[in-house]
Amino acid sequence: MTDRVFDIGVIGAGPAGLAAATAAASVGLSVVLIDAGSQPGGQYWRHPDEQQVGETDHAGHHDWTTFTTMRSALHTAMEAGHITYLPDTQLWLIDPVKEATARRTLRLTNSYTAGPEQHIARRPTEVTVDQLILCPGGYDRQLPVPGWDLPGVMAAGGVQALLKGSRTVAGRRAIIAGTGPFLLPVAVGLAEAGAEVVSICEAGAIRNWLPHVAAAAQVPSKGLEGAQYAALMAKHRIPYRSRTIIRAIHGETSVEAVTTCKVDSSGTPIAGTERRYEVDVVGLGWGFTPSLELPVMVGAQTRRDVDGSLVAVVDDQQRSGIPGVYIAGEATGVGGASMAVAEGKLAALTAAADSGRPISPRDVSRLQHKIKRFRGFAVAMHTAHPVPEAWTGWLEPETVVCRCEEVNYGDLCTAHEELQADDARTLKLVARPGMGWCQGRVCGYAIAGIAASLCGREPSEEDLRSQGKRTLASPVALSDLAALNNEIHL
């Protein structure tokens, strides 16, 4: 089934996507909002089923008023017919632009969240749009560590998603490790829900913020947030250990304990500093990395950001460089929900202006100034909490790197030494990391880092791009592939 043509297609209903869709509708554009989730909010505003809980159930959330305001605007625009909202829906392919109309067809399928009531018959299998705003968000960046494939080891974001989405506590005795401010809300959330958090292990050092005080001061709300978490950590007696990593995770059938150790400024373990903790859940988080399948699919330019992740390149009005395609949110560089909201609004205003709609230059300028401030804070945060240079030195030959294909570090070393696999793409081809169910979303960043480390160099944009490029953006039924027109070549 083909739906009508829309002025704008917005992909993702997180902070950036919600802002983009509602802003575009407010200036009179017809919008289709496509999201893999069952309800708006994305990962940042993930919350229990709105049909089953009260409006006040938003524990652990920041900027909740921002979300509820945009959600109300979404519902109003839907009732007025300005926004068509398609939840539980994945965009798996963007057709090449049709030269005669400059329009794009978006191929859709059910997401993993869709239940029987959201069966394929209830949604279009494709929609056509004049312009496209991509807000795909990001996900937890992971680094392998011996034992990380045991049940009970989770991404820090997964731990928080359980708390936010279903009020489920991942375990009774937890340790949270990695780097970055996100470790704090995860640990505090667990403690507030009744779990014992034995430690937060931060690979970096607090003093790394000292050169960036001016940038941090530009966003005072972040300092207030940090103070609130510090107070809650003191309340729950959660130790915060800087320059500390999880060296190994132990257990037979699930997590039973971890060994931590201190590291130097490069991330090299310091002998004699090992400590053992009995735990049943481990939350690992090394910041976030953008989801770039869709930007890469349309041909957007990419670059390696200050935090080492691959990001999409946009101009100061969120244009991607591909006519009719705009990108907002974490895909342009991880910077938090407030920056994503500003970028989403700016992308919508730019798209409106490019289609001949009148917009306020003052609004554009205000949003650009806000984005600049938040971007400065993001750069400071990434610089203060870098991924340790020497992290590949933590690995043992038997350490699993790609969990889907069960490829270990020794396999990658062998591929490099015996088969001349000198880059991430070649490692993937000869040793199969990143070829499983997640298609490199979990291990891709690590594969790029390992490939570079084996060659004694820094990871390159191409190392990262080879892990993010996918012909199809999500799993799809063979019947959907068979239904493609003959002129579409994958």
Protein backbone atom coordinates (compact mmCIF):
# COMPACT_ATOMS: atom_id res chain seq x y z
CA MET A 1 0.00 0.00 0.00
CA THR A 2 1.34 3.44 -0.92
CA ASP A 3 0.40 6.47 1.13
CA ARG A 4 -0.03 9.99 -0.20
CA VAL A 5 2.90 12.32 -0.81
CA PHE A 6 4.08 14.31 2.20
CA ASP A 7 6.00 17.56 2.25
CA ILE A 8 8.42 16.18 4.83
CA GLY A 9 9.31 12.76 6.18
CA VAL A 10 10.82 12.79 9.68
CA ILE A 11 12.60 9.64 10.80
CA GLY A 12 12.74 9.11 14.56
CA ALA A 13 10.45 10.40 17.33
CA GLY A 14 13.11 11.13 19.92
CA PRO A 15 14.05 14.68 20.97
CA ALA A 16 15.24 15.78 17.52
CA GLY A 17 12.49 14.04 15.56
CA LEU A 18 9.65 15.26 17.76
CA ALA A 19 10.98 18.80 17.54
CA ALA A 20 11.39 18.59 13.77
CA ALA A 21 7.94 17.11 13.12
CA THR A 22 6.02 19.54 15.32
CA ALA A 23 8.00 22.56 14.06
CA ALA A 24 7.40 21.57 10.42
CA ALA A 25 3.68 21.09 11.04
CA SER A 26 3.48 24.48 12.77
CA VAL A 27 4.51 26.25 9.55
CA GLY A 28 1.93 24.40 7.47
CA LEU A 29 3.91 21.47 6.06
CA SER A 30 2.39 17.99 5.85
CA VAL A 31 4.54 15.57 7.83
CA VAL A 32 4.89 11.81 8.16
CA LEU A 33 6.68 10.88 11.39
CA ILE A 34 8.15 7.38 11.29
CA ASP A 35 9.46 5.76 14.46
CA ALA A 36 10.53 2.28 15.52
CA GLY A 37 9.20 2.81 19.04
CA SER A 38 5.69 2.18 20.26
CA GLN A 39 5.26 5.73 21.56
CA PRO A 40 7.09 9.05 21.12
CA GLY A 41 10.08 10.03 23.22
CA GLY A 42 12.92 7.94 21.89
CA GLN A 43 15.50 6.45 24.22
CA TYR A 44 15.96 9.68 26.18
CA TRP A 45 12.29 9.97 27.11
CA ARG A 46 11.55 6.26 27.20
CA HIS A 47 8.67 5.70 29.63
CA PRO A 48 6.04 3.12 30.57
CA ASP A 49 3.04 2.51 28.33
CA GLU A 50 1.01 5.73 28.28
CA GLN A 51 -2.20 3.71 28.08
CA GLN A 52 -1.50 1.93 31.37
CA VAL A 53 0.18 4.47 33.66
CA GLY A 54 -0.64 7.95 34.79
CA GLU A 55 0.77 11.13 33.33
CA THR A 56 2.87 11.68 36.44
CA ASP A 57 4.94 8.50 36.02
CA HIS A 58 8.17 10.05 34.76
CA ALA A 59 10.72 9.13 37.43
CA GLY A 60 14.34 9.53 36.36
CA HIS A 61 13.61 11.92 33.51
CA HIS A 62 15.02 15.35 32.80
CA ASP A 63 13.33 18.00 30.64
CA TRP A 64 10.02 16.17 31.01
CA THR A 65 8.04 19.36 30.43
CA THR A 66 9.82 19.80 27.10
CA PHE A 67 8.69 16.32 26.11
CA THR A 68 5.08 16.70 27.22
CA THR A 69 4.81 20.05 25.43
CA MET A 70 6.03 18.53 22.17
CA ARG A 71 3.87 15.43 22.65
CA SER A 72 0.81 17.65 23.06
CA ALA A 73 1.78 19.53 19.90
CA LEU A 74 2.16 16.18 18.11
CA HIS A 75 -1.33 15.06 19.14
CA THR A 76 -2.83 18.41 18.15
CA ALA A 77 -1.16 18.27 14.73
CA MET A 78 -2.30 14.66 14.26
CA GLU A 79 -5.90 15.62 15.02
CA ALA A 80 -5.67 18.47 12.53
CA GLY A 81 -4.29 16.14 9.86
CA HIS A 82 -0.92 17.89 9.64
CA ILE A 83 1.11 14.95 10.97
CA THR A 84 0.68 11.27 10.14
CA TYR A 85 2.41 9.33 12.92
CA LEU A 86 3.62 5.78 12.20
CA PRO A 87 4.92 4.11 15.40
CA ASP A 88 6.32 0.55 15.49
CA THR A 89 7.62 1.18 11.99
CA GLN A 90 11.13 0.82 10.59
CA LEU A 91 12.49 2.54 7.52
CA TRP A 92 14.60 -0.12 5.83
CA LEU A 93 15.37 1.45 2.46
CA ILE A 94 15.38 4.93 0.93
CA ASP A 95 14.92 4.74 -2.83
CA PRO A 96 17.08 6.95 -5.03
CA VAL A 97 15.51 10.33 -5.71
CA LYS A 98 13.08 10.40 -8.62
CA GLU A 99 14.54 12.90 -11.06
CA ALA A 100 11.19 13.89 -12.53
CA THR A 101 9.74 14.91 -9.17
CA ALA A 102 12.81 15.19 -6.86
CA ARG A 103 10.86 12.99 -4.44
CA ARG A 104 12.00 10.00 -2.43
CA THR A 105 10.14 6.79 -1.64
CA LEU A 106 10.67 5.38 1.84
CA ARG A 107 10.26 1.62 2.26
CA LEU A 108 8.71 0.61 5.58
CA THR A 109 8.30 -2.53 7.66
CA ASN A 110 7.12 -3.46 11.15
CA SER A 111 9.62 -2.83 13.92
CA TYR A 112 10.49 -5.43 16.55
CA THR A 113 8.11 -3.67 18.96
CA ALA A 114 5.03 -4.19 16.77
CA GLY A 115 2.41 -6.54 18.17
CA PRO A 116 -0.49 -8.26 16.39
CA GLU A 117 -2.57 -5.09 16.55
CA GLN A 118 0.08 -3.25 14.49
CA HIS A 119 0.08 -5.87 11.73
CA ILE A 120 1.37 -4.97 8.29
CA ALA A 121 -2.16 -4.33 7.03
CA ARG A 122 -2.48 -1.32 9.33
CA ARG A 123 0.44 0.64 7.96
CA PRO A 124 1.73 1.63 4.53
CA THR A 125 4.63 -0.33 3.09
CA GLU A 126 5.97 2.84 1.52
CA VAL A 127 5.51 6.60 1.60
CA THR A 128 6.76 9.34 -0.68
CA VAL A 129 8.22 12.62 0.57
CA ASP A 130 9.50 15.84 -0.95
CA GLN A 131 12.04 16.43 1.84
CA LEU A 132 13.58 14.20 4.47
CA ILE A 133 14.76 14.99 8.02
CA LEU A 134 16.82 12.15 9.49
CA CYS A 135 16.89 11.97 13.30
CA PRO A 136 18.06 8.39 13.89
CA GLY A 137 19.61 9.03 17.33
CA GLY A 138 22.40 6.96 18.78
CA TYR A 139 23.16 4.01 20.99
CA ASP A 140 25.61 2.87 23.67
CA ARG A 141 29.20 2.64 22.52
CA GLN A 142 30.74 -0.58 23.79
CA LEU A 143 34.29 -1.83 24.30
CA PRO A 144 34.88 -5.56 24.81
CA VAL A 145 36.36 -6.78 28.07
CA PRO A 146 37.07 -10.36 29.16
CA GLY A 147 33.75 -11.87 30.27
CA TRP A 148 31.48 -9.18 28.84
CA ASP A 149 29.46 -11.83 26.98
CA LEU A 150 28.14 -13.33 30.23
CA PRO A 151 24.43 -12.94 31.05
CA GLY A 152 24.08 -10.05 33.46
CA VAL A 153 26.41 -7.76 31.52
CA MET A 154 24.43 -4.95 29.91
CA ALA A 155 24.95 -1.66 28.18
CA ALA A 156 24.46 1.16 30.67
CA GLY A 157 21.68 2.45 28.44
CA GLY A 158 20.00 -0.95 28.58
CA VAL A 159 20.03 -0.86 32.37
CA GLN A 160 18.38 2.56 32.28
CA ALA A 161 15.90 1.54 29.58
CA LEU A 162 14.59 -1.24 31.80
CA LEU A 163 14.15 1.23 34.64
CA LYS A 164 12.47 3.90 32.51
CA GLY A 165 10.36 1.67 30.32
CA SER A 166 9.13 -1.01 32.70
CA ARG A 167 10.36 -0.08 36.18
CA THR A 168 12.48 -3.24 36.14
CA VAL A 169 15.72 -3.41 38.12
CA ALA A 170 18.39 -5.33 36.22
CA GLY A 171 19.93 -6.86 39.36
CA ARG A 172 20.33 -6.63 43.11
CA ARG A 173 24.04 -5.78 43.32
CA ALA A 174 25.50 -3.74 40.48
CA ILE A 175 28.64 -2.04 39.27
CA ILE A 176 28.60 0.66 36.57
CA ALA A 177 31.74 1.31 34.53
CA GLY A 178 33.08 3.12 31.48
CA THR A 179 33.38 6.84 31.01
CA GLY A 180 31.21 9.93 30.87
CA PRO A 181 28.44 11.64 32.85
CA PHE A 182 25.85 9.08 31.76
CA LEU A 183 27.23 6.61 34.30
CA LEU A 184 25.80 8.79 37.09
CA PRO A 185 22.06 8.65 36.26
CA VAL A 186 22.31 4.92 35.60
CA ALA A 187 23.89 4.23 38.98
CA VAL A 188 21.55 6.60 40.83
CA GLY A 189 18.52 5.15 39.05
CA LEU A 190 19.45 1.65 40.20
CA ALA A 191 20.03 2.82 43.76
CA GLU A 192 16.73 4.73 43.87
CA ALA A 193 14.98 1.56 42.67
CA GLY A 194 16.44 -0.50 45.52
CA ALA A 195 19.60 -2.04 44.07
CA GLU A 196 22.98 -1.83 45.78
CA VAL A 197 25.53 -0.07 43.58
CA VAL A 198 28.98 -1.13 44.79
CA SER A 199 30.86 1.40 42.65
CA ILE A 200 30.98 3.68 39.65
CA CYS A 201 34.24 3.07 37.78
CA GLU A 202 35.21 6.08 35.64
CA ALA A 203 38.18 5.52 33.34
CA GLY A 204 38.95 9.23 33.20
CA ALA A 205 39.78 11.80 35.85
CA ILE A 206 37.61 14.66 37.13
CA ARG A 207 40.50 17.09 36.68
CA ASN A 208 40.17 16.59 32.91
CA TRP A 209 37.33 19.14 33.12
CA LEU A 210 39.61 21.94 34.36
CA PRO A 211 40.64 23.21 30.89
CA HIS A 212 36.96 23.28 29.87
CA VAL A 213 35.36 25.27 32.68
CA ALA A 214 34.38 28.12 30.36
CA ALA A 215 32.55 25.80 27.96
CA ALA A 216 30.82 24.04 30.85
CA ALA A 217 29.70 27.38 32.28
CA GLN A 218 27.83 28.12 29.04
CA VAL A 219 25.31 25.41 30.01
CA PRO A 220 24.72 25.90 33.75
CA SER A 221 21.85 23.40 33.79
CA LYS A 222 24.40 20.62 33.31
CA GLY A 223 26.29 21.70 36.42
CA LEU A 224 23.06 21.66 38.41
CA GLU A 225 22.32 18.18 37.08
CA GLY A 226 25.74 16.99 38.18
CA ALA A 227 25.25 18.43 41.67
CA GLN A 228 21.92 16.63 42.00
CA TYR A 229 23.51 13.32 41.07
CA ALA A 230 26.39 13.92 43.49
CA ALA A 231 23.88 14.46 46.30
CA LEU A 232 22.01 11.27 45.43
CA MET A 233 25.27 9.32 45.22
CA ALA A 234 26.13 10.54 48.72
CA LYS A 235 22.66 9.60 49.94
CA HIS A 236 23.04 6.05 48.65
CA ARG A 237 26.75 5.85 49.49
CA ILE A 238 27.81 5.03 45.95
CA PRO A 239 31.62 5.16 45.63
CA TYR A 240 32.98 7.00 42.59
CA ARG A 241 36.39 5.71 41.52
CA SER A 242 38.18 7.64 38.80
CA ARG A 243 40.94 6.23 36.60
CA THR A 244 39.40 2.79 37.24
CA ILE A 245 38.19 0.16 34.78
CA ILE A 246 36.68 -3.30 34.89
CA ARG A 247 39.56 -5.56 33.93
CA ALA A 248 37.58 -8.81 33.82
CA ILE A 249 34.09 -10.15 34.48
CA HIS A 250 33.75 -13.55 36.14
CA GLY A 251 31.07 -16.20 36.27
CA GLU A 252 30.06 -19.64 35.05
CA THR A 253 26.54 -19.19 33.67
CA SER A 254 26.06 -15.52 34.58
CA VAL A 255 27.89 -12.63 36.21
CA GLU A 256 29.20 -13.45 39.67
CA ALA A 257 32.01 -10.94 40.18
CA VAL A 258 34.30 -8.42 38.51
CA THR A 259 37.93 -7.44 38.87
CA THR A 260 38.68 -3.72 38.64
CA CYS A 261 42.01 -1.97 38.46
CA LYS A 262 43.44 1.52 38.28
CA VAL A 263 44.78 2.82 34.97
CA ASP A 264 47.17 5.57 34.00
CA SER A 265 46.28 8.52 31.75
CA SER A 266 46.54 6.35 28.62
CA GLY A 267 44.33 3.63 30.05
CA THR A 268 47.12 1.17 30.73
CA PRO A 269 46.35 -1.01 33.79
CA ILE A 270 48.50 -0.42 36.87
CA ALA A 271 49.74 -3.66 38.40
CA GLY A 272 48.82 -4.29 42.01
CA THR A 273 45.66 -2.16 42.03
CA GLU A 274 43.19 -4.97 41.37
CA ARG A 275 40.01 -5.25 43.46
CA ARG A 276 37.26 -7.85 43.27
CA TYR A 277 33.54 -7.16 43.73
CA GLU A 278 30.72 -9.69 43.98
CA VAL A 279 27.92 -8.47 41.69
CA ASP A 280 25.08 -9.87 39.62
CA VAL A 281 24.80 -7.07 37.06
CA VAL A 282 27.39 -5.00 35.20
CA GLY A 283 26.48 -1.83 33.29
CA LEU A 284 29.08 -0.76 30.72
CA GLY A 285 28.97 2.58 28.94
CA TRP A 286 31.63 4.39 26.91
CA GLY A 287 29.44 7.22 25.75
CA PHE A 288 27.18 7.03 22.73
CA THR A 289 27.76 6.66 19.04
CA PRO A 290 25.38 7.84 16.28
CA SER A 291 23.20 5.53 14.24
CA LEU A 292 24.33 6.38 10.71
CA GLU A 293 22.78 3.72 8.47
CA LEU A 294 20.30 6.18 6.95
CA PRO A 295 22.63 9.19 6.49
CA VAL A 296 25.18 6.91 4.82
CA MET A 297 22.43 5.32 2.71
CA VAL A 298 21.48 8.67 1.16
CA GLY A 299 25.12 9.56 0.52
CA ALA A 300 25.68 12.10 3.28
CA GLN A 301 29.25 13.10 3.99
CA THR A 302 30.73 11.87 7.26
CA ARG A 303 33.68 12.70 9.50
CA ARG A 304 35.35 11.44 12.66
CA ASP A 305 34.19 13.56 15.60
CA VAL A 306 36.19 14.68 18.63
CA ASP A 307 35.01 11.62 20.59
CA GLY A 308 36.19 9.23 17.89
CA SER A 309 32.72 8.38 16.57
CA LEU A 310 31.61 8.70 12.97
CA VAL A 311 29.10 11.55 12.52
CA ALA A 312 27.19 13.09 9.63
CA VAL A 313 28.37 16.42 8.26
CA VAL A 314 25.81 19.25 8.11
CA ASP A 315 26.02 22.99 7.56
CA ASP A 316 24.97 25.57 10.13
CA GLN A 317 21.32 25.08 9.15
CA GLN A 318 21.31 21.24 9.31
CA ARG A 319 21.55 20.65 5.54
CA SER A 320 23.37 17.43 4.74
CA GLY A 321 24.73 18.46 1.36
CA ILE A 322 22.29 16.07 -0.33
CA PRO A 323 19.41 18.11 -1.80
CA GLY A 324 16.26 17.77 0.25
CA VAL A 325 17.94 15.85 3.11
CA TYR A 326 18.49 17.35 6.58
CA ILE A 327 20.01 15.66 9.63
CA ALA A 328 19.51 16.52 13.30
CA GLY A 329 20.28 15.13 16.73
CA GLU A 330 22.96 12.64 17.75
CA ALA A 331 23.72 11.73 14.13
CA THR A 332 25.54 15.06 13.74
CA GLY A 333 27.53 14.54 16.95
CA VAL A 334 26.46 13.36 20.39
CA GLY A 335 25.45 16.38 22.44
CA GLY A 336 22.38 15.55 24.49
CA ALA A 337 18.63 16.05 24.25
CA SER A 338 18.54 19.85 24.50
CA MET A 339 20.88 20.25 21.56
CA ALA A 340 18.95 17.62 19.61
CA VAL A 341 15.69 19.52 20.14
CA ALA A 342 17.28 22.74 18.87
CA GLU A 343 18.74 20.96 15.84
CA GLY A 344 15.41 19.33 15.04
CA LYS A 345 13.61 22.67 15.09
CA LEU A 346 16.31 24.28 12.96
CA ALA A 347 16.18 21.46 10.42
CA ALA A 348 12.42 21.94 10.08
CA LEU A 349 12.73 25.70 9.61
CA THR A 350 15.48 25.23 7.03
CA ALA A 351 13.43 22.68 5.12
CA ALA A 352 10.47 25.06 5.19
CA ALA A 353 12.60 27.93 3.89
CA ASP A 354 14.07 25.74 1.15
CA SER A 355 10.54 24.88 0.02
CA GLY A 356 9.57 28.55 -0.18
CA ARG A 357 7.83 28.98 3.16
CA PRO A 358 8.45 32.20 5.10
CA ILE A 359 10.35 31.70 8.35
CA SER A 360 11.73 34.04 10.98
CA PRO A 361 15.47 34.78 10.59
CA ARG A 362 15.46 35.65 14.29
CA ASP A 363 14.24 32.15 15.19
CA VAL A 364 16.98 30.64 13.05
CA SER A 365 19.64 32.81 14.69
CA ARG A 366 18.37 31.97 18.18
CA LEU A 367 18.51 28.25 17.49
CA GLN A 368 21.97 28.49 15.96
CA HIS A 369 23.27 30.31 19.05
CA LYS A 370 21.77 27.67 21.33
CA ILE A 371 23.28 24.85 19.27
CA LYS A 372 26.68 26.51 19.39
CA ARG A 373 26.59 26.67 23.19
CA PHE A 374 25.54 23.05 23.55
CA ARG A 375 28.09 21.95 20.96
CA GLY A 376 30.82 23.65 22.98
CA PHE A 377 29.72 21.77 26.08
CA ALA A 378 29.64 18.50 24.12
CA VAL A 379 33.20 19.00 22.89
CA ALA A 380 34.32 19.69 26.47
CA MET A 381 32.54 16.56 27.72
CA HIS A 382 34.05 14.32 25.03
CA THR A 383 37.50 15.75 25.64
CA ALA A 384 37.21 15.30 29.40
CA HIS A 385 35.93 11.73 29.06
CA PRO A 386 37.82 10.15 26.14
CA VAL A 387 37.92 6.47 25.34
CA PRO A 388 41.30 5.39 26.77
CA GLU A 389 44.02 5.14 24.14
CA ALA A 390 45.32 1.80 25.41
CA TRP A 391 41.98 -0.03 25.73
CA THR A 392 42.93 -2.77 23.26
CA GLY A 393 45.68 -3.77 25.71
CA TRP A 394 42.96 -4.99 28.10
CA LEU A 395 42.01 -7.80 25.72
CA GLU A 396 43.04 -11.44 25.94
CA PRO A 397 43.20 -13.66 22.83
CA GLU A 398 40.01 -15.44 23.92
CA THR A 399 38.08 -12.22 24.63
CA VAL A 400 34.95 -12.19 22.48
CA VAL A 401 34.76 -9.04 20.36
CA CYS A 402 31.82 -9.82 18.06
CA ARG A 403 29.19 -11.54 20.18
CA CYS A 404 26.87 -12.34 17.27
CA GLU A 405 29.48 -14.27 15.28
CA GLU A 406 31.58 -15.30 18.32
CA VAL A 407 34.75 -13.79 16.90
CA ASN A 408 37.44 -13.27 19.51
CA TYR A 409 40.43 -10.96 19.69
CA GLY A 410 42.79 -13.78 18.78
CA ASP A 411 40.85 -14.38 15.56
CA LEU A 412 41.31 -10.73 14.60
CA CYS A 413 45.03 -10.81 15.41
CA THR A 414 45.40 -13.93 13.24
CA ALA A 415 43.52 -12.29 10.38
CA HIS A 416 45.87 -9.32 10.60
CA GLU A 417 49.09 -11.30 10.90
CA GLU A 418 48.39 -14.13 8.44
CA LEU A 419 45.87 -12.66 6.01
CA GLN A 420 47.08 -9.02 5.86
CA ALA A 421 43.80 -7.63 7.17
CA ASP A 422 45.01 -4.08 7.79
CA ASP A 423 41.72 -2.21 8.01
CA ALA A 424 38.29 -2.68 9.54
CA ARG A 425 36.60 -3.62 6.28
CA THR A 426 39.11 -6.37 5.50
CA LEU A 427 38.92 -7.69 9.07
CA LYS A 428 35.16 -7.91 8.63
CA LEU A 429 35.48 -9.77 5.33
CA VAL A 430 37.98 -12.39 6.46
CA ALA A 431 37.08 -12.91 10.14
CA ARG A 432 33.31 -12.06 10.04
CA PRO A 433 33.01 -9.58 12.93
CA GLY A 434 29.98 -7.39 12.41
CA MET A 435 28.21 -9.84 10.09
CA GLY A 436 25.71 -11.16 12.64
CA TRP A 437 22.27 -10.07 13.82
CA CYS A 438 23.31 -6.60 15.04
CA GLN A 439 25.30 -5.93 11.84
CA GLY A 440 28.17 -4.35 13.76
CA ARG A 441 26.10 -1.95 15.82
CA VAL A 442 27.57 -3.36 19.04
CA CYS A 443 31.08 -4.24 17.92
CA GLY A 444 31.65 -1.86 14.98
CA TYR A 445 33.41 0.87 16.94
CA ALA A 446 35.62 -1.72 18.64
CA ILE A 447 36.48 -3.42 15.33
CA ALA A 448 37.58 -0.08 13.88
CA GLY A 449 39.74 0.57 16.95
CA ILE A 450 41.30 -2.90 16.91
CA ALA A 451 42.10 -2.68 13.19
CA ALA A 452 43.87 0.62 13.74
CA SER A 453 45.68 -0.60 16.85
CA LEU A 454 47.04 -3.69 15.07
CA CYS A 455 48.54 -1.37 12.46
CA GLY A 456 49.87 1.14 14.99
CA ARG A 457 47.68 4.02 13.84
CA GLU A 458 44.56 6.01 14.76
CA PRO A 459 41.15 4.75 13.55
CA SER A 460 40.20 6.48 10.32
CA GLU A 461 36.87 7.73 9.01
CA GLU A 462 36.90 4.88 6.51
CA ASP A 463 37.42 2.29 9.29
CA LEU A 464 34.29 3.60 10.98
CA ARG A 465 32.27 4.15 7.82
CA SER A 466 32.85 0.55 6.71
CA GLN A 467 31.17 -0.58 9.93
CA GLY A 468 28.21 1.80 9.56
CA LYS A 469 27.36 1.22 5.90
CA ARG A 470 24.47 -1.21 5.41
CA THR A 471 22.48 -1.93 2.27
CA LEU A 472 19.32 -2.40 4.34
CA ALA A 473 18.81 -0.33 7.47
CA SER A 474 16.84 -2.99 9.36
CA PRO A 475 15.73 -6.63 9.07
CA VAL A 476 13.05 -7.07 6.44
CA ALA A 477 10.86 -9.88 5.14
CA LEU A 478 11.80 -11.58 1.87
CA SER A 479 8.34 -10.69 0.58
CA ASP A 480 9.23 -6.99 0.94
CA LEU A 481 12.42 -7.53 -1.04
CA ALA A 482 10.53 -9.44 -3.71
CA ALA A 483 8.04 -6.59 -4.02
CA LEU A 484 10.70 -4.05 -4.96
CA ASN A 485 10.38 -2.60 -8.43
CA ASN A 486 12.81 -3.99 -10.95
CA GLU A 487 14.54 -0.64 -11.36
CA ILE A 488 15.66 -0.58 -7.71
CA HIS A 489 19.08 -2.17 -7.41
CA LEU A 490 20.46 -2.98 -3.94
